[in-house]
Amino acid sequence: MKQAGEIDDYAILDALRRKETISAKTALAAKAGVAVSVIDRACELRDAKAVVSMAWKAGLTAQTAVVLQAMLAQLPPDQILRPDQSNSYPLSETEMHSQLAVLGIGGEAGKRPWMPRRLSATTPQ
């Protein structure tokens, strides 16, 4: 579908309308050029900024990002980030790049995504 140019807002929204969330996540991942596991992580975090940033990376509209927040991340209406008056994304490009870096996408060359540090097996004294 991606090579044929058939992945767009409508294809993803149609998959969600049919309650085919796996198809919607797969299409979003293909459109954004990331692994499906990255989309899964963004949705599991239930972080509106992460989902909005993924939609932006995929080149989707800010209105589609609203639906993705509700349907994929299952955010309640009061936590959903909505487009501004001009139907633009509610975050700056810098903020979205930062969110993508947290998910391990893009960012500065050689910079690793955040990972929890390992705790030592010894007990503090």
PDB file of N, CA and C in Angstrom:
ATOM      1  N   MET A   1       0.815  -1.201   0.000  1.00  0.00           N
ATOM      2  CA  MET A   1       0.000   0.000   0.000  1.00  0.00           C
ATOM      3  C   MET A   1       0.858   1.264   0.000  1.00  0.00           C
ATOM      4  N   LYS A   2       1.962   1.238   0.796  1.00  0.00           N
ATOM      5  CA  LYS A   2       2.798   2.434   0.885  1.00  0.00           C
ATOM      6  C   LYS A   2       3.410   2.759  -0.471  1.00  0.00           C
ATOM      7  N   GLN A   3       3.934   1.736  -1.153  1.00  0.00           N
ATOM      8  CA  GLN A   3       4.557   1.970  -2.449  1.00  0.00           C
ATOM      9  C   GLN A   3       3.550   2.486  -3.473  1.00  0.00           C
ATOM     10  N   ALA A   4       2.313   2.049  -3.358  1.00  0.00           N
ATOM     11  CA  ALA A   4       1.275   2.493  -4.289  1.00  0.00           C
ATOM     12  C   ALA A   4       0.708   3.856  -3.895  1.00  0.00           C
ATOM     13  N   GLY A   5       1.166   4.402  -2.765  1.00  0.00           N
ATOM     14  CA  GLY A   5       0.679   5.699  -2.309  1.00  0.00           C
ATOM     15  C   GLY A   5      -0.734   5.646  -1.759  1.00  0.00           C
ATOM     16  N   GLU A   6      -1.145   4.468  -1.317  1.00  0.00           N
ATOM     17  CA  GLU A   6      -2.507   4.293  -0.839  1.00  0.00           C
ATOM     18  C   GLU A   6      -2.661   4.518   0.659  1.00  0.00           C
ATOM     19  N   ILE A   7      -1.570   4.743   1.372  1.00  0.00           N
ATOM     20  CA  ILE A   7      -1.683   5.008   2.802  1.00  0.00           C
ATOM     21  C   ILE A   7      -1.804   6.516   2.990  1.00  0.00           C
ATOM     22  N   ASP A   8      -2.939   6.913   3.473  1.00  0.00           N
ATOM     23  CA  ASP A   8      -3.170   8.321   3.772  1.00  0.00           C
ATOM     24  C   ASP A   8      -4.113   8.405   4.963  1.00  0.00           C
ATOM     25  N   ASP A   9      -4.523   9.606   5.287  1.00  0.00           N
ATOM     26  CA  ASP A   9      -5.430   9.803   6.413  1.00  0.00           C
ATOM     27  C   ASP A   9      -6.678   8.930   6.271  1.00  0.00           C
ATOM     28  N   TYR A  10      -7.236   8.926   5.071  1.00  0.00           N
ATOM     29  CA  TYR A  10      -8.486   8.202   4.852  1.00  0.00           C
ATOM     30  C   TYR A  10      -8.328   6.698   5.062  1.00  0.00           C
ATOM     31  N   ALA A  11      -7.226   6.130   4.607  1.00  0.00           N
ATOM     32  CA  ALA A  11      -7.002   4.690   4.770  1.00  0.00           C
ATOM     33  C   ALA A  11      -6.889   4.328   6.249  1.00  0.00           C
ATOM     34  N   ILE A  12      -6.170   5.139   7.005  1.00  0.00           N
ATOM     35  CA  ILE A  12      -6.000   4.868   8.437  1.00  0.00           C
ATOM     36  C   ILE A  12      -7.320   5.076   9.178  1.00  0.00           C
ATOM     37  N   LEU A  13      -8.016   6.155   8.862  1.00  0.00           N
ATOM     38  CA  LEU A  13      -9.309   6.424   9.510  1.00  0.00           C
ATOM     39  C   LEU A  13     -10.341   5.352   9.153  1.00  0.00           C
ATOM     40  N   ASP A  14     -10.296   4.854   7.923  1.00  0.00           N
ATOM     41  CA  ASP A  14     -11.221   3.805   7.520  1.00  0.00           C
ATOM     42  C   ASP A  14     -10.952   2.516   8.297  1.00  0.00           C
ATOM     43  N   ALA A  15      -9.678   2.187   8.491  1.00  0.00           N
ATOM     44  CA  ALA A  15      -9.336   1.001   9.285  1.00  0.00           C
ATOM     45  C   ALA A  15      -9.848   1.162  10.715  1.00  0.00           C
ATOM     46  N   LEU A  16      -9.709   2.347  11.278  1.00  0.00           N
ATOM     47  CA  LEU A  16     -10.210   2.584  12.637  1.00  0.00           C
ATOM     48  C   LEU A  16     -11.734   2.516  12.691  1.00  0.00           C
ATOM     49  N   ARG A  17     -12.383   3.018  11.646  1.00  0.00           N
ATOM     50  CA  ARG A  17     -13.851   2.960  11.583  1.00  0.00           C
ATOM     51  C   ARG A  17     -14.321   1.508  11.590  1.00  0.00           C
ATOM     52  N   ARG A  18     -13.546   0.641  10.923  1.00  0.00           N
ATOM     53  CA  ARG A  18     -13.878  -0.792  10.886  1.00  0.00           C
ATOM     54  C   ARG A  18     -13.365  -1.533  12.119  1.00  0.00           C
ATOM     55  N   LYS A  19     -12.803  -0.783  13.071  1.00  0.00           N
ATOM     56  CA  LYS A  19     -12.246  -1.339  14.318  1.00  0.00           C
ATOM     57  C   LYS A  19     -11.088  -2.306  14.051  1.00  0.00           C
ATOM     58  N   GLU A  20     -10.327  -2.026  12.993  1.00  0.00           N
ATOM     59  CA  GLU A  20      -9.144  -2.805  12.648  1.00  0.00           C
ATOM     60  C   GLU A  20      -7.912  -2.042  13.134  1.00  0.00           C
ATOM     61  N   THR A  21      -7.718  -2.045  14.457  1.00  0.00           N
ATOM     62  CA  THR A  21      -6.630  -1.241  15.027  1.00  0.00           C
ATOM     63  C   THR A  21      -5.262  -1.751  14.596  1.00  0.00           C
ATOM     64  N   ILE A  22      -5.121  -3.051  14.415  1.00  0.00           N
ATOM     65  CA  ILE A  22      -3.817  -3.576  13.973  1.00  0.00           C
ATOM     66  C   ILE A  22      -3.496  -3.056  12.575  1.00  0.00           C
ATOM     67  N   SER A  23      -4.480  -3.044  11.697  1.00  0.00           N
ATOM     68  CA  SER A  23      -4.272  -2.508  10.346  1.00  0.00           C
ATOM     69  C   SER A  23      -3.943  -1.019  10.400  1.00  0.00           C
ATOM     70  N   ALA A  24      -4.637  -0.289  11.267  1.00  0.00           N
ATOM     71  CA  ALA A  24      -4.390   1.147  11.395  1.00  0.00           C
ATOM     72  C   ALA A  24      -2.974   1.403  11.915  1.00  0.00           C
ATOM     73  N   LYS A  25      -2.553   0.630  12.925  1.00  0.00           N
ATOM     74  CA  LYS A  25      -1.199   0.799  13.469  1.00  0.00           C
ATOM     75  C   LYS A  25      -0.144   0.432  12.433  1.00  0.00           C
ATOM     76  N   THR A  26      -0.394  -0.628  11.672  1.00  0.00           N
ATOM     77  CA  THR A  26       0.552  -1.050  10.641  1.00  0.00           C
ATOM     78  C   THR A  26       0.674   0.015   9.559  1.00  0.00           C
ATOM     79  N   ALA A  27      -0.458   0.565   9.141  1.00  0.00           N
ATOM     80  CA  ALA A  27      -0.439   1.622   8.125  1.00  0.00           C
ATOM     81  C   ALA A  27       0.263   2.874   8.649  1.00  0.00           C
ATOM     82  N   LEU A  28      -0.003   3.238   9.907  1.00  0.00           N
ATOM     83  CA  LEU A  28       0.651   4.399  10.513  1.00  0.00           C
ATOM     84  C   LEU A  28       2.159   4.183  10.589  1.00  0.00           C
ATOM     85  N   ALA A  29       2.558   2.991  10.985  1.00  0.00           N
ATOM     86  CA  ALA A  29       3.986   2.677  11.062  1.00  0.00           C
ATOM     87  C   ALA A  29       4.645   2.767   9.686  1.00  0.00           C
ATOM     88  N   ALA A  30       3.989   2.202   8.682  1.00  0.00           N
ATOM     89  CA  ALA A  30       4.546   2.248   7.327  1.00  0.00           C
ATOM     90  C   ALA A  30       4.646   3.686   6.830  1.00  0.00           C
ATOM     91  N   LYS A  31       3.611   4.460   7.059  1.00  0.00           N
ATOM     92  CA  LYS A  31       3.595   5.855   6.610  1.00  0.00           C
ATOM     93  C   LYS A  31       4.670   6.683   7.322  1.00  0.00           C
ATOM     94  N   ALA A  32       4.890   6.396   8.617  1.00  0.00           N
ATOM     95  CA  ALA A  32       5.890   7.139   9.390  1.00  0.00           C
ATOM     96  C   ALA A  32       7.299   6.584   9.193  1.00  0.00           C
ATOM     97  N   GLY A  33       7.400   5.391   8.610  1.00  0.00           N
ATOM     98  CA  GLY A  33       8.715   4.787   8.394  1.00  0.00           C
ATOM     99  C   GLY A  33       9.332   4.249   9.673  1.00  0.00           C
ATOM    100  N   VAL A  34       8.497   3.715  10.555  1.00  0.00           N
ATOM    101  CA  VAL A  34       8.971   3.166  11.826  1.00  0.00           C
ATOM    102  C   VAL A  34       8.403   1.757  12.009  1.00  0.00           C
ATOM    103  N   ALA A  35       8.918   1.043  12.977  1.00  0.00           N
ATOM    104  CA  ALA A  35       8.401  -0.284  13.299  1.00  0.00           C
ATOM    105  C   ALA A  35       7.060  -0.164  14.024  1.00  0.00           C
ATOM    106  N   VAL A  36       6.229  -1.165  13.872  1.00  0.00           N
ATOM    107  CA  VAL A  36       4.934  -1.180  14.550  1.00  0.00           C
ATOM    108  C   VAL A  36       5.128  -1.118  16.063  1.00  0.00           C
ATOM    109  N   SER A  37       6.229  -1.682  16.554  1.00  0.00           N
ATOM    110  CA  SER A  37       6.488  -1.650  17.998  1.00  0.00           C
ATOM    111  C   SER A  37       6.622  -0.217  18.517  1.00  0.00           C
ATOM    112  N   VAL A  38       7.086   0.696  17.686  1.00  0.00           N
ATOM    113  CA  VAL A  38       7.191   2.109  18.080  1.00  0.00           C
ATOM    114  C   VAL A  38       5.794   2.706  18.228  1.00  0.00           C
ATOM    115  N   ILE A  39       4.904   2.365  17.307  1.00  0.00           N
ATOM    116  CA  ILE A  39       3.522   2.840  17.392  1.00  0.00           C
ATOM    117  C   ILE A  39       2.863   2.255  18.634  1.00  0.00           C
ATOM    118  N   ASP A  40       3.092   0.959  18.862  1.00  0.00           N
ATOM    119  CA  ASP A  40       2.537   0.311  20.058  1.00  0.00           C
ATOM    120  C   ASP A  40       3.018   1.016  21.322  1.00  0.00           C
ATOM    121  N   ARG A  41       4.301   1.330  21.380  1.00  0.00           N
ATOM    122  CA  ARG A  41       4.856   1.994  22.570  1.00  0.00           C
ATOM    123  C   ARG A  41       4.233   3.369  22.773  1.00  0.00           C
ATOM    124  N   ALA A  42       4.105   4.129  21.700  1.00  0.00           N
ATOM    125  CA  ALA A  42       3.507   5.463  21.800  1.00  0.00           C
ATOM    126  C   ALA A  42       2.077   5.372  22.325  1.00  0.00           C
ATOM    127  N   CYS A  43       1.345   4.359  21.875  1.00  0.00           N
ATOM    128  CA  CYS A  43      -0.046   4.198  22.321  1.00  0.00           C
ATOM    129  C   CYS A  43      -0.116   3.668  23.746  1.00  0.00           C
ATOM    130  N   GLU A  44       0.769   2.748  24.088  1.00  0.00           N
ATOM    131  CA  GLU A  44       0.775   2.191  25.443  1.00  0.00           C
ATOM    132  C   GLU A  44       1.145   3.235  26.485  1.00  0.00           C
ATOM    133  N   LEU A  45       1.968   4.193  26.105  1.00  0.00           N
ATOM    134  CA  LEU A  45       2.336   5.274  27.021  1.00  0.00           C
ATOM    135  C   LEU A  45       1.133   6.159  27.345  1.00  0.00           C
ATOM    136  N   ARG A  46       0.143   6.119  26.478  1.00  0.00           N
ATOM    137  CA  ARG A  46      -1.048   6.971  26.615  1.00  0.00           C
ATOM    138  C   ARG A  46      -0.625   8.437  26.782  1.00  0.00           C
ATOM    139  N   ASP A  47       0.308   8.812  25.930  1.00  0.00           N
ATOM    140  CA  ASP A  47       0.856  10.155  25.949  1.00  0.00           C
ATOM    141  C   ASP A  47       0.405  10.875  24.678  1.00  0.00           C
ATOM    142  N   ALA A  48      -0.440  11.864  24.834  1.00  0.00           N
ATOM    143  CA  ALA A  48      -0.977  12.592  23.692  1.00  0.00           C
ATOM    144  C   ALA A  48       0.137  13.173  22.822  1.00  0.00           C
ATOM    145  N   LYS A  49       1.169  13.711  23.453  1.00  0.00           N
ATOM    146  CA  LYS A  49       2.255  14.317  22.687  1.00  0.00           C
ATOM    147  C   LYS A  49       2.974  13.289  21.817  1.00  0.00           C
ATOM    148  N   ALA A  50       3.155  12.076  22.319  1.00  0.00           N
ATOM    149  CA  ALA A  50       3.817  11.026  21.540  1.00  0.00           C
ATOM    150  C   ALA A  50       2.978  10.636  20.331  1.00  0.00           C
ATOM    151  N   VAL A  51       1.679  10.493  20.518  1.00  0.00           N
ATOM    152  CA  VAL A  51       0.799  10.096  19.414  1.00  0.00           C
ATOM    153  C   VAL A  51       0.703  11.217  18.378  1.00  0.00           C
ATOM    154  N   VAL A  52       0.576  12.450  18.840  1.00  0.00           N
ATOM    155  CA  VAL A  52       0.531  13.594  17.928  1.00  0.00           C
ATOM    156  C   VAL A  52       1.827  13.655  17.115  1.00  0.00           C
ATOM    157  N   SER A  53       2.946  13.427  17.753  1.00  0.00           N
ATOM    158  CA  SER A  53       4.236  13.483  17.063  1.00  0.00           C
ATOM    159  C   SER A  53       4.367  12.372  16.023  1.00  0.00           C
ATOM    160  N   MET A  54       3.822  11.187  16.319  1.00  0.00           N
ATOM    161  CA  MET A  54       3.851  10.100  15.343  1.00  0.00           C
ATOM    162  C   MET A  54       2.989  10.444  14.130  1.00  0.00           C
ATOM    163  N   ALA A  55       1.825  11.032  14.372  1.00  0.00           N
ATOM    164  CA  ALA A  55       0.954  11.445  13.270  1.00  0.00           C
ATOM    165  C   ALA A  55       1.651  12.488  12.405  1.00  0.00           C
ATOM    166  N   TRP A  56       2.329  13.422  13.053  1.00  0.00           N
ATOM    167  CA  TRP A  56       3.074  14.467  12.334  1.00  0.00           C
ATOM    168  C   TRP A  56       4.181  13.850  11.485  1.00  0.00           C
ATOM    169  N   LYS A  57       4.925  12.918  12.071  1.00  0.00           N
ATOM    170  CA  LYS A  57       6.005  12.250  11.335  1.00  0.00           C
ATOM    171  C   LYS A  57       5.454  11.519  10.124  1.00  0.00           C
ATOM    172  N   ALA A  58       4.260  10.954  10.259  1.00  0.00           N
ATOM    173  CA  ALA A  58       3.643  10.219   9.161  1.00  0.00           C
ATOM    174  C   ALA A  58       3.059  11.147   8.095  1.00  0.00           C
ATOM    175  N   GLY A  59       3.020  12.446   8.379  1.00  0.00           N
ATOM    176  CA  GLY A  59       2.484  13.397   7.408  1.00  0.00           C
ATOM    177  C   GLY A  59       0.970  13.442   7.385  1.00  0.00           C
ATOM    178  N   LEU A  60       0.353  13.029   8.484  1.00  0.00           N
ATOM    179  CA  LEU A  60      -1.100  13.052   8.582  1.00  0.00           C
ATOM    180  C   LEU A  60      -1.569  14.419   9.061  1.00  0.00           C
ATOM    181  N   THR A  61      -2.846  14.672   8.949  1.00  0.00           N
ATOM    182  CA  THR A  61      -3.380  15.957   9.388  1.00  0.00           C
ATOM    183  C   THR A  61      -3.507  15.996  10.908  1.00  0.00           C
ATOM    184  N   ALA A  62      -3.588  17.198  11.438  1.00  0.00           N
ATOM    185  CA  ALA A  62      -3.757  17.364  12.881  1.00  0.00           C
ATOM    186  C   ALA A  62      -5.117  16.824  13.324  1.00  0.00           C
ATOM    187  N   GLN A  63      -6.114  16.860  12.437  1.00  0.00           N
ATOM    188  CA  GLN A  63      -7.423  16.307  12.767  1.00  0.00           C
ATOM    189  C   GLN A  63      -7.347  14.783  12.907  1.00  0.00           C
ATOM    190  N   THR A  64      -6.560  14.146  12.059  1.00  0.00           N
ATOM    191  CA  THR A  64      -6.379  12.693  12.162  1.00  0.00           C
ATOM    192  C   THR A  64      -5.651  12.360  13.455  1.00  0.00           C
ATOM    193  N   ALA A  65      -4.731  13.213  13.876  1.00  0.00           N
ATOM    194  CA  ALA A  65      -4.011  12.996  15.136  1.00  0.00           C
ATOM    195  C   ALA A  65      -4.977  12.959  16.314  1.00  0.00           C
ATOM    196  N   VAL A  66      -6.053  13.734  16.254  1.00  0.00           N
ATOM    197  CA  VAL A  66      -7.067  13.726  17.317  1.00  0.00           C
ATOM    198  C   VAL A  66      -7.710  12.341  17.393  1.00  0.00           C
ATOM    199  N   VAL A  67      -8.083  11.794  16.257  1.00  0.00           N
ATOM    200  CA  VAL A  67      -8.723  10.478  16.214  1.00  0.00           C
ATOM    201  C   VAL A  67      -7.757   9.402  16.703  1.00  0.00           C
ATOM    202  N   LEU A  68      -6.488   9.498  16.313  1.00  0.00           N
ATOM    203  CA  LEU A  68      -5.493   8.512  16.749  1.00  0.00           C
ATOM    204  C   LEU A  68      -5.337   8.528  18.269  1.00  0.00           C
ATOM    205  N   GLN A  69      -5.357   9.710  18.853  1.00  0.00           N
ATOM    206  CA  GLN A  69      -5.250   9.810  20.311  1.00  0.00           C
ATOM    207  C   GLN A  69      -6.423   9.119  20.997  1.00  0.00           C
ATOM    208  N   ALA A  70      -7.603   9.319  20.449  1.00  0.00           N
ATOM    209  CA  ALA A  70      -8.808   8.735  21.049  1.00  0.00           C
ATOM    210  C   ALA A  70      -8.906   7.237  20.794  1.00  0.00           C
ATOM    211  N   MET A  71      -8.650   6.817  19.567  1.00  0.00           N
ATOM    212  CA  MET A  71      -8.898   5.422  19.190  1.00  0.00           C
ATOM    213  C   MET A  71      -7.726   4.491  19.486  1.00  0.00           C
ATOM    214  N   LEU A  72      -6.505   4.939  19.230  1.00  0.00           N
ATOM    215  CA  LEU A  72      -5.355   4.056  19.438  1.00  0.00           C
ATOM    216  C   LEU A  72      -4.804   4.146  20.857  1.00  0.00           C
ATOM    217  N   ALA A  73      -4.658   5.373  21.364  1.00  0.00           N
ATOM    218  CA  ALA A  73      -4.112   5.538  22.713  1.00  0.00           C
ATOM    219  C   ALA A  73      -5.214   5.534  23.768  1.00  0.00           C
ATOM    220  N   GLN A  74      -6.466   5.567  23.332  1.00  0.00           N
ATOM    221  CA  GLN A  74      -7.625   5.537  24.213  1.00  0.00           C
ATOM    222  C   GLN A  74      -7.582   6.619  25.296  1.00  0.00           C
ATOM    223  N   LEU A  75      -7.225   7.814  24.850  1.00  0.00           N
ATOM    224  CA  LEU A  75      -7.181   8.949  25.778  1.00  0.00           C
ATOM    225  C   LEU A  75      -8.571   9.527  25.970  1.00  0.00           C
ATOM    226  N   PRO A  76      -8.885   9.960  27.185  1.00  0.00           N
ATOM    227  CA  PRO A  76     -10.170  10.620  27.403  1.00  0.00           C
ATOM    228  C   PRO A  76     -10.169  11.995  26.731  1.00  0.00           C
ATOM    229  N   PRO A  77     -11.352  12.511  26.406  1.00  0.00           N
ATOM    230  CA  PRO A  77     -11.453  13.784  25.676  1.00  0.00           C
ATOM    231  C   PRO A  77     -10.673  14.939  26.302  1.00  0.00           C
ATOM    232  N   ASP A  78     -10.599  15.009  27.629  1.00  0.00           N
ATOM    233  CA  ASP A  78      -9.918  16.138  28.263  1.00  0.00           C
ATOM    234  C   ASP A  78      -8.392  16.038  28.175  1.00  0.00           C
ATOM    235  N   GLN A  79      -7.859  14.928  27.715  1.00  0.00           N
ATOM    236  CA  GLN A  79      -6.408  14.775  27.570  1.00  0.00           C
ATOM    237  C   GLN A  79      -5.949  14.850  26.118  1.00  0.00           C
ATOM    238  N   ILE A  80      -6.879  14.952  25.195  1.00  0.00           N
ATOM    239  CA  ILE A  80      -6.549  14.975  23.767  1.00  0.00           C
ATOM    240  C   ILE A  80      -6.059  16.359  23.366  1.00  0.00           C
ATOM    241  N   LEU A  81      -4.941  16.383  22.643  1.00  0.00           N
ATOM    242  CA  LEU A  81      -4.406  17.637  22.096  1.00  0.00           C
ATOM    243  C   LEU A  81      -5.092  17.894  20.763  1.00  0.00           C
ATOM    244  N   ARG A  82      -5.658  19.073  20.621  1.00  0.00           N
ATOM    245  CA  ARG A  82      -6.429  19.406  19.426  1.00  0.00           C
ATOM    246  C   ARG A  82      -5.699  20.455  18.584  1.00  0.00           C
ATOM    247  N   PRO A  83      -6.019  20.504  17.290  1.00  0.00           N
ATOM    248  CA  PRO A  83      -5.388  21.508  16.419  1.00  0.00           C
ATOM    249  C   PRO A  83      -5.720  22.918  16.886  1.00  0.00           C
ATOM    250  N   ASP A  84      -4.855  23.855  16.521  1.00  0.00           N
ATOM    251  CA  ASP A  84      -5.122  25.249  16.869  1.00  0.00           C
ATOM    252  C   ASP A  84      -6.133  25.841  15.878  1.00  0.00           C
ATOM    253  N   GLN A  85      -6.365  27.125  15.970  1.00  0.00           N
ATOM    254  CA  GLN A  85      -7.361  27.809  15.137  1.00  0.00           C
ATOM    255  C   GLN A  85      -7.121  27.608  13.640  1.00  0.00           C
ATOM    256  N   SER A  86      -5.864  27.472  13.248  1.00  0.00           N
ATOM    257  CA  SER A  86      -5.547  27.326  11.819  1.00  0.00           C
ATOM    258  C   SER A  86      -5.430  25.859  11.402  1.00  0.00           C
ATOM    259  N   ASN A  87      -5.930  24.946  12.259  1.00  0.00           N
ATOM    260  CA  ASN A  87      -5.864  23.498  12.011  1.00  0.00           C
ATOM    261  C   ASN A  87      -4.432  22.975  11.920  1.00  0.00           C
ATOM    262  N   SER A  88      -3.527  23.634  12.608  1.00  0.00           N
ATOM    263  CA  SER A  88      -2.140  23.199  12.669  1.00  0.00           C
ATOM    264  C   SER A  88      -1.932  22.322  13.900  1.00  0.00           C
ATOM    265  N   TYR A  89      -0.819  21.625  13.901  1.00  0.00           N
ATOM    266  CA  TYR A  89      -0.498  20.786  15.055  1.00  0.00           C
ATOM    267  C   TYR A  89      -0.354  21.634  16.312  1.00  0.00           C
ATOM    268  N   PRO A  90      -0.796  21.108  17.454  1.00  0.00           N
ATOM    269  CA  PRO A  90      -0.762  21.878  18.700  1.00  0.00           C
ATOM    270  C   PRO A  90       0.617  21.945  19.354  1.00  0.00           C
ATOM    271  N   LEU A  91       1.606  21.258  18.795  1.00  0.00           N
ATOM    272  CA  LEU A  91       2.968  21.265  19.333  1.00  0.00           C
ATOM    273  C   LEU A  91       3.912  21.888  18.319  1.00  0.00           C
ATOM    274  N   SER A  92       4.992  22.456  18.810  1.00  0.00           N
ATOM    275  CA  SER A  92       5.998  22.986  17.893  1.00  0.00           C
ATOM    276  C   SER A  92       6.799  21.827  17.298  1.00  0.00           C
ATOM    277  N   GLU A  93       7.470  22.080  16.202  1.00  0.00           N
ATOM    278  CA  GLU A  93       8.299  21.035  15.590  1.00  0.00           C
ATOM    279  C   GLU A  93       9.380  20.567  16.556  1.00  0.00           C
ATOM    280  N   THR A  94       9.921  21.479  17.339  1.00  0.00           N
ATOM    281  CA  THR A  94      10.939  21.120  18.325  1.00  0.00           C
ATOM    282  C   THR A  94      10.377  20.143  19.341  1.00  0.00           C
ATOM    283  N   GLU A  95       9.158  20.421  19.834  1.00  0.00           N
ATOM    284  CA  GLU A  95       8.523  19.513  20.800  1.00  0.00           C
ATOM    285  C   GLU A  95       8.277  18.140  20.184  1.00  0.00           C
ATOM    286  N   MET A  96       7.829  18.128  18.927  1.00  0.00           N
ATOM    287  CA  MET A  96       7.543  16.845  18.282  1.00  0.00           C
ATOM    288  C   MET A  96       8.820  16.061  18.031  1.00  0.00           C
ATOM    289  N   HIS A  97       9.886  16.738  17.642  1.00  0.00           N
ATOM    290  CA  HIS A  97      11.178  16.053  17.480  1.00  0.00           C
ATOM    291  C   HIS A  97      11.635  15.467  18.817  1.00  0.00           C
ATOM    292  N   SER A  98      11.428  16.201  19.894  1.00  0.00           N
ATOM    293  CA  SER A  98      11.797  15.704  21.229  1.00  0.00           C
ATOM    294  C   SER A  98      10.996  14.467  21.597  1.00  0.00           C
ATOM    295  N   GLN A  99       9.706  14.487  21.306  1.00  0.00           N
ATOM    296  CA  GLN A  99       8.856  13.324  21.585  1.00  0.00           C
ATOM    297  C   GLN A  99       9.313  12.119  20.778  1.00  0.00           C
ATOM    298  N   LEU A 100       9.639  12.338  19.525  1.00  0.00           N
ATOM    299  CA  LEU A 100      10.110  11.235  18.675  1.00  0.00           C
ATOM    300  C   LEU A 100      11.431  10.686  19.189  1.00  0.00           C
ATOM    301  N   ALA A 101      12.298  11.558  19.690  1.00  0.00           N
ATOM    302  CA  ALA A 101      13.569  11.109  20.249  1.00  0.00           C
ATOM    303  C   ALA A 101      13.350  10.218  21.465  1.00  0.00           C
ATOM    304  N   VAL A 102      12.355  10.541  22.284  1.00  0.00           N
ATOM    305  CA  VAL A 102      12.030   9.711  23.444  1.00  0.00           C
ATOM    306  C   VAL A 102      11.614   8.315  22.994  1.00  0.00           C
ATOM    307  N   LEU A 103      10.941   8.250  21.842  1.00  0.00           N
ATOM    308  CA  LEU A 103      10.514   6.958  21.294  1.00  0.00           C
ATOM    309  C   LEU A 103      11.632   6.251  20.530  1.00  0.00           C
ATOM    310  N   GLY A 104      12.802   6.908  20.435  1.00  0.00           N
ATOM    311  CA  GLY A 104      13.942   6.300  19.763  1.00  0.00           C
ATOM    312  C   GLY A 104      13.994   6.576  18.275  1.00  0.00           C
ATOM    313  N   ILE A 105      13.308   7.632  17.841  1.00  0.00           N
ATOM    314  CA  ILE A 105      13.263   7.974  16.423  1.00  0.00           C
ATOM    315  C   ILE A 105      13.951   9.308  16.206  1.00  0.00           C
ATOM    316  N   GLY A 106      14.809   9.359  15.205  1.00  0.00           N
ATOM    317  CA  GLY A 106      15.452  10.618  14.862  1.00  0.00           C
ATOM    318  C   GLY A 106      16.367  11.098  15.966  1.00  0.00           C
ATOM    319  N   GLY A 107      16.307  12.378  16.239  1.00  0.00           N
ATOM    320  CA  GLY A 107      17.180  12.946  17.259  1.00  0.00           C
ATOM    321  C   GLY A 107      18.581  13.138  16.706  1.00  0.00           C
ATOM    322  N   GLU A 108      19.470  13.463  17.579  1.00  0.00           N
ATOM    323  CA  GLU A 108      20.845  13.704  17.177  1.00  0.00           C
ATOM    324  C   GLU A 108      21.546  12.386  16.902  1.00  0.00           C
ATOM    325  N   ALA A 109      22.441  12.399  15.947  1.00  0.00           N
ATOM    326  CA  ALA A 109      23.178  11.193  15.593  1.00  0.00           C
ATOM    327  C   ALA A 109      23.964  10.689  16.789  1.00  0.00           C
ATOM    328  N   GLY A 110      23.864   9.402  17.014  1.00  0.00           N
ATOM    329  CA  GLY A 110      24.609   8.794  18.104  1.00  0.00           C
ATOM    330  C   GLY A 110      23.928   8.908  19.460  1.00  0.00           C
ATOM    331  N   LYS A 111      22.840   9.628  19.529  1.00  0.00           N
ATOM    332  CA  LYS A 111      22.152   9.789  20.808  1.00  0.00           C
ATOM    333  C   LYS A 111      21.165   8.643  20.985  1.00  0.00           C
ATOM    334  N   ARG A 112      21.239   7.979  22.101  1.00  0.00           N
ATOM    335  CA  ARG A 112      20.366   6.845  22.367  1.00  0.00           C
ATOM    336  C   ARG A 112      19.069   7.318  23.001  1.00  0.00           C
ATOM    337  N   PRO A 113      17.947   6.585  22.750  1.00  0.00           N
ATOM    338  CA  PRO A 113      16.703   6.929  23.423  1.00  0.00           C
ATOM    339  C   PRO A 113      16.824   6.659  24.909  1.00  0.00           C
ATOM    340  N   TRP A 114      15.990   7.296  25.696  1.00  0.00           N
ATOM    341  CA  TRP A 114      16.012   7.110  27.131  1.00  0.00           C
ATOM    342  C   TRP A 114      15.693   5.669  27.469  1.00  0.00           C
ATOM    343  N   MET A 115      16.454   5.104  28.372  1.00  0.00           N
ATOM    344  CA  MET A 115      16.227   3.750  28.868  1.00  0.00           C
ATOM    345  C   MET A 115      16.390   3.796  30.375  1.00  0.00           C
ATOM    346  N   PRO A 116      15.572   3.026  31.105  1.00  0.00           N
ATOM    347  CA  PRO A 116      15.745   3.017  32.554  1.00  0.00           C
ATOM    348  C   PRO A 116      17.088   2.400  32.907  1.00  0.00           C
ATOM    349  N   ARG A 117      17.725   2.924  33.944  1.00  0.00           N
ATOM    350  CA  ARG A 117      19.016   2.360  34.322  1.00  0.00           C
ATOM    351  C   ARG A 117      18.793   1.092  35.135  1.00  0.00           C
ATOM    352  N   ARG A 118      19.729   0.207  35.057  1.00  0.00           N
ATOM    353  CA  ARG A 118      19.640  -1.029  35.807  1.00  0.00           C
ATOM    354  C   ARG A 118      20.015  -0.782  37.250  1.00  0.00           C
ATOM    355  N   LEU A 119      19.271  -1.386  38.127  1.00  0.00           N
ATOM    356  CA  LEU A 119      19.593  -1.288  39.547  1.00  0.00           C
ATOM    357  C   LEU A 119      20.563  -2.410  39.894  1.00  0.00           C
ATOM    358  N   SER A 120      21.483  -2.110  40.758  1.00  0.00           N
ATOM    359  CA  SER A 120      22.445  -3.142  41.134  1.00  0.00           C
ATOM    360  C   SER A 120      21.768  -4.163  42.030  1.00  0.00           C
ATOM    361  N   ALA A 121      22.318  -5.350  42.014  1.00  0.00           N
ATOM    362  CA  ALA A 121      21.736  -6.443  42.798  1.00  0.00           C
ATOM    363  C   ALA A 121      22.098  -6.345  44.282  1.00  0.00           C
ATOM    364  N   THR A 122      23.045  -5.491  44.599  1.00  0.00           N
ATOM    365  CA  THR A 122      23.456  -5.355  46.002  1.00  0.00           C
ATOM    366  C   THR A 122      22.539  -4.417  46.757  1.00  0.00           C
ATOM    367  N   THR A 123      22.396  -4.656  48.002  1.00  0.00           N
ATOM    368  CA  THR A 123      21.562  -3.789  48.850  1.00  0.00           C
ATOM    369  C   THR A 123      22.416  -2.669  49.431  1.00  0.00           C
ATOM    370  N   PRO A 124      21.885  -1.463  49.432  1.00  0.00           N
ATOM    371  CA  PRO A 124      22.663  -0.360  50.026  1.00  0.00           C
ATOM    372  C   PRO A 124      22.832  -0.570  51.536  1.00  0.00           C
ATOM    373  N   GLN A 125      23.950  -0.110  52.031  1.00  0.00           N
ATOM    374  CA  GLN A 125      24.216  -0.290  53.467  1.00  0.00           C
ATOM    375  C   GLN A 125      24.140   1.005  54.203  1.00  0.00           C
TER     376      GLN A 125
END
